[in-house]
Protein backbone atom coordinates (compact mmCIF):
# COMPACT_ATOMS: atom_id res chain seq x y z
CA UNK A 1 -0.01 0.04 -0.09
CA UNK A 2 1.09 3.40 -0.81
CA UNK A 3 1.97 6.11 1.80
CA UNK A 4 -1.38 7.56 3.18
CA UNK A 5 -2.35 10.92 1.77
CA UNK A 6 -2.54 13.55 4.64
CA UNK A 7 -5.83 15.35 4.92
CA UNK A 8 -6.31 18.83 3.37
CA UNK A 9 -7.73 20.13 6.59
CA UNK A 10 -4.27 19.60 8.12
CA UNK A 11 -2.56 21.20 5.12
CA UNK A 12 -4.99 24.33 5.33
CA UNK A 13 -4.68 24.63 8.98
CA UNK A 14 -0.62 24.93 8.83
CA UNK A 15 -1.01 27.16 5.68
CA UNK A 16 -3.07 29.61 7.56
CA UNK A 17 -0.92 29.21 10.90
CA UNK A 18 2.18 30.32 8.53
CA UNK A 19 0.11 33.38 7.12
CA UNK A 20 -0.93 34.25 10.30
CA UNK A 21 2.90 34.62 11.90
CA UNK A 22 3.82 36.75 8.59
CA UNK A 23 0.78 38.81 9.31
CA UNK A 24 2.04 39.15 12.94
CA UNK A 25 5.46 40.22 11.96
CA UNK A 26 4.56 42.57 9.31
CA UNK A 27 2.19 44.52 11.88
CA UNK A 28 5.12 44.56 14.31
CA UNK A 29 7.68 45.66 11.85
CA UNK A 30 5.37 48.14 10.54
CA UNK A 31 4.32 49.51 13.90
CA UNK A 32 8.06 49.76 14.80
CA UNK A 33 8.93 51.96 12.03
CA UNK A 34 6.00 54.23 12.80
CA UNK A 35 6.39 54.60 16.25
CA UNK A 36 10.02 55.17 15.95
CA UNK A 37 9.36 57.63 12.75
CA UNK A 38 6.41 59.72 14.31
CA UNK A 39 6.47 59.02 18.03
CA UNK A 40 4.23 56.57 19.89
CA UNK A 41 1.49 59.34 20.67
CA UNK A 42 0.89 60.19 17.13
CA UNK A 43 0.23 57.02 15.32
CA UNK A 44 -2.89 55.41 14.98
CA UNK A 45 -3.99 51.64 14.39
CA UNK A 46 -5.23 52.62 11.17
CA UNK A 47 -1.75 54.20 10.22
CA UNK A 48 -0.27 50.73 11.48
CA UNK A 49 -2.89 48.85 9.32
CA UNK A 50 -1.87 51.25 5.95
CA UNK A 51 1.83 50.78 6.65
CA UNK A 52 1.40 46.74 7.04
CA UNK A 53 -0.89 46.58 4.15
CA UNK A 54 -3.71 45.09 6.21
CA UNK A 55 -7.26 45.70 7.43
CA UNK A 56 -7.43 47.88 10.52
CA UNK A 57 -9.78 45.32 12.02
CA UNK A 58 -6.93 42.73 11.33
CA UNK A 59 -4.66 44.83 13.72
CA UNK A 60 -7.22 44.93 16.36
CA UNK A 61 -7.99 41.47 16.49
CA UNK A 62 -4.15 40.08 16.47
CA UNK A 63 -2.98 42.95 19.19
CA UNK A 64 -6.22 44.70 20.39
CA UNK A 65 -5.18 48.00 21.62
CA UNK A 66 -2.17 50.18 20.42
CA UNK A 67 -0.53 49.60 23.82
CA UNK A 68 -0.89 45.86 23.19
CA UNK A 69 0.83 46.56 19.69
CA UNK A 70 3.85 48.19 21.59
CA UNK A 71 4.27 45.31 24.10
CA UNK A 72 4.25 43.02 21.14
CA UNK A 73 7.23 45.07 19.76
CA UNK A 74 9.08 44.72 23.12
CA UNK A 75 8.70 41.06 23.66
CA UNK A 76 9.22 40.10 20.06
CA UNK A 77 12.72 42.16 20.26
CA UNK A 78 13.75 40.51 23.62
CA UNK A 79 12.97 37.05 22.37
CA UNK A 80 15.73 37.17 20.08
CA UNK A 81 18.51 38.48 22.40
CA UNK A 82 21.96 37.89 20.83
CA UNK A 83 23.65 34.86 22.81
CA UNK A 84 26.95 36.18 22.11
CA UNK A 85 26.24 39.26 24.41
CA UNK A 86 26.83 36.55 27.36
CA UNK A 87 29.96 35.74 25.99
CA UNK A 88 31.01 39.20 25.67
CA UNK A 89 30.16 39.84 29.23
CA UNK A 90 32.59 36.90 30.30
CA UNK A 91 35.30 38.06 27.95
CA UNK A 92 35.14 41.73 29.65
CA UNK A 93 35.33 39.99 33.03
CA UNK A 94 38.54 38.03 32.28
CA UNK A 95 40.25 40.36 29.92
CA UNK A 96 43.91 41.12 31.25
CA UNK A 97 44.25 44.31 29.47
CA UNK A 98 41.68 46.74 30.70
CA UNK A 99 41.90 48.78 27.44
CA UNK A 100 40.55 45.68 25.87
CA UNK A 101 37.83 45.28 28.64
CA UNK A 102 36.51 48.84 27.26
CA UNK A 103 36.45 47.91 24.07
CA UNK A 104 34.40 44.76 24.71
CA UNK A 105 32.14 47.14 26.50
CA UNK A 106 31.85 49.15 23.28
CA UNK A 107 31.36 45.95 21.40
CA UNK A 108 28.44 44.68 23.71
CA UNK A 109 26.94 48.40 23.73
CA UNK A 110 26.67 48.09 19.84
CA UNK A 111 24.96 44.70 20.10
CA UNK A 112 22.28 45.89 22.18
CA UNK A 113 21.63 49.24 20.66
CA UNK A 114 21.38 47.96 17.40
CA UNK A 115 18.53 45.81 18.28
CA UNK A 116 16.79 48.11 21.14
CA UNK A 117 17.75 51.59 20.58
CA UNK A 118 14.70 52.57 18.67
CA UNK A 119 12.24 50.76 21.12
CA UNK A 120 13.66 52.21 24.12
CA UNK A 121 13.60 55.58 22.74
CA UNK A 122 9.87 55.34 21.83
CA UNK A 123 9.25 53.89 25.09
CA UNK A 124 10.76 56.38 26.84
CA UNK A 125 8.74 59.19 24.98
CA UNK A 126 5.45 57.27 24.72
CA UNK A 127 3.73 58.97 27.77
CA UNK A 128 2.50 55.29 28.70
CA UNK A 129 3.10 54.36 32.37
CA UNK A 130 3.74 50.71 31.48
CA UNK A 131 5.81 51.45 28.49
CA UNK A 132 8.12 53.74 30.44
CA UNK A 133 8.08 51.16 33.40
CA UNK A 134 9.98 48.86 30.98
CA UNK A 135 12.29 51.41 29.55
CA UNK A 136 13.33 52.25 33.10
CA UNK A 137 13.99 48.45 34.04
CA UNK A 138 16.17 48.16 31.01
CA UNK A 139 17.89 51.00 31.81
CA UNK A 140 18.33 49.53 35.59
CA UNK A 141 19.94 46.53 33.94
CA UNK A 142 22.56 48.41 32.03
CA UNK A 143 23.70 50.24 35.29
CA UNK A 144 23.95 46.88 36.85
CA UNK A 145 25.84 45.51 33.76
CA UNK A 146 28.41 48.31 34.02
CA UNK A 147 29.29 47.52 37.82
CA UNK A 148 31.68 44.71 37.29
CA UNK A 149 33.69 46.79 34.72
CA UNK A 150 34.11 49.44 37.01
CA UNK A 151 35.23 47.36 39.94
CA UNK A 152 37.95 45.76 37.84
CA UNK A 153 39.05 49.29 36.84
CA UNK A 154 39.17 50.26 40.61
CA UNK A 155 40.89 47.30 41.89
CA UNK A 156 43.51 47.77 39.18
CA UNK A 157 43.96 51.33 40.23
CA UNK A 158 43.87 52.30 36.84
CA UNK A 159 41.17 54.95 37.08
CA UNK A 160 42.07 58.46 35.92
CA UNK A 161 43.19 60.66 38.83
CA UNK A 162 40.14 62.56 40.17
CA UNK A 163 37.71 60.09 38.67
CA UNK A 164 35.76 58.25 41.45
CA UNK A 165 34.29 54.70 40.68
CA UNK A 166 30.62 56.31 40.64
CA UNK A 167 31.51 58.78 37.88
CA UNK A 168 33.48 56.33 35.93
CA UNK A 169 30.11 54.00 36.29
CA UNK A 170 28.20 57.18 35.02
CA UNK A 171 30.32 57.94 32.18
CA UNK A 172 30.29 54.15 30.81
CA UNK A 173 26.31 54.50 31.02
CA UNK A 174 25.94 57.66 29.23
CA UNK A 175 28.11 56.72 26.18
CA UNK A 176 26.70 53.28 25.86
CA UNK A 177 22.95 54.74 26.08
CA UNK A 178 20.28 54.60 23.10
CA UNK A 179 20.37 58.41 23.20
CA UNK A 180 24.13 58.72 22.49
CA UNK A 181 23.79 56.05 20.09
CA UNK A 182 20.92 57.73 18.31
CA UNK A 183 22.56 60.83 17.87
CA UNK A 184 25.65 59.81 16.07
CA UNK A 185 24.26 56.48 14.25
CA UNK A 186 20.69 57.48 13.62
CA UNK A 187 20.85 61.24 13.18
CA UNK A 188 24.39 61.92 11.87
CA UNK A 189 24.89 58.86 10.06
CA UNK A 190 27.89 57.05 11.60
CA UNK A 191 28.90 54.09 10.31
CA UNK A 192 28.27 51.27 13.07
CA UNK A 193 31.96 50.07 13.25
CA UNK A 194 33.01 53.60 13.51
CA UNK A 195 30.77 54.21 16.26
CA UNK A 196 32.11 51.15 18.25
CA UNK A 197 35.55 51.91 17.52
CA UNK A 198 35.10 55.38 18.79
CA UNK A 199 33.27 54.32 22.08
CA UNK A 200 36.04 52.08 22.96
CA UNK A 201 38.61 54.63 22.50
CA UNK A 202 36.71 57.26 24.26
CA UNK A 203 35.86 55.25 27.10
CA UNK A 204 39.62 54.35 27.52
CA UNK A 205 40.72 58.03 27.13
CA UNK A 206 38.01 59.39 29.76
CA UNK A 207 38.27 56.79 32.37
CA UNK A 208 42.01 55.22 32.34
CA UNK A 209 44.94 57.12 33.84
């Protein structure tokens, strides 16, 4: 006997599921572009539907509200966190040359900001307490991630004269921020490689004796 033919209903169900995933992602991508370009408060669900090429009813059916849509963008971005970032953190901790450590910090900042900078900026400007809370939690994680680097610099006694560990942490936090990334890369058109290289050099000049 030949192989049994799969029911057409199963095929149609799989196809509909794949089409739904494609539509879901297209809506997220369209909303992200518009929220970044215009600002979250000034974008309507109808605007998103037009950008995504779907009916506005579809956007409401998939995400419910504009807040639900924004939360979907955040969740989608965080699901795909670059696993290499964890390896870079270990690399920064183990580096004997602290100039190398700071260059590794710059590489980590690039990986993170490439993926999240635009999302963080629109959340900060959204005027919605829930989105602002997410952005603040992410910022708190950035502050915490700086601590091991600053501790290593302080233990090695290589901080520039007159610069406290707290000031060193603040400088790293500011220069690896989505705002600094946005100013140079998005607004002034800096090449990403140049931004990363310049950040590593700047951190070394500002922090090291």
